[in-house]
Amino acid sequence: ASDSVTQESIVVDPTCGMGTLLIAAARVWPQVSQRRLRLVGRDMNPSQLQKLYANFYSCQLDTCDVRLGDARDGQSFSDVEDGSVDALLCDLPSGAAHKASSDWKSYTSFMQLAERIIRP
């Protein structure tokens, strides 16, 4: 990993919705690490991301690494280096409201993403 990666902590939420878990991480992380925190999130729902942007703005958090994307597609996280992530937080989709992304194939892709990006 490059020096710039080792000087920051990275927290990823592959199904970030309105950003609740990332905001919680931003509140707790300074108690755990002195490194700069990079929050990375993806969500398939543009209206959820609009809520996230409003929430991040209210909390004065940087939204540059949060964008529209499908966590089941590995390319959504092509900007995250292998083995660079300190924490992966996720409330995996489940139930009838999330039929498109709450199946075995989706969960397998989430686990493959975690295996690739989480720091050893």
Foldseek 3Di string as FASTA:
>chain_A
DDPVLVQEAEEEEAAQQLNPVVVVCVVCVVVPDPGHYDYAYEHQDPVSPVNNVVVCVVVVHDCPRYYYDHLLDLVNVPVAQFQRHAYYDYDFDDDDVPVVQHDPSNVVSNVVSCNGRHHD
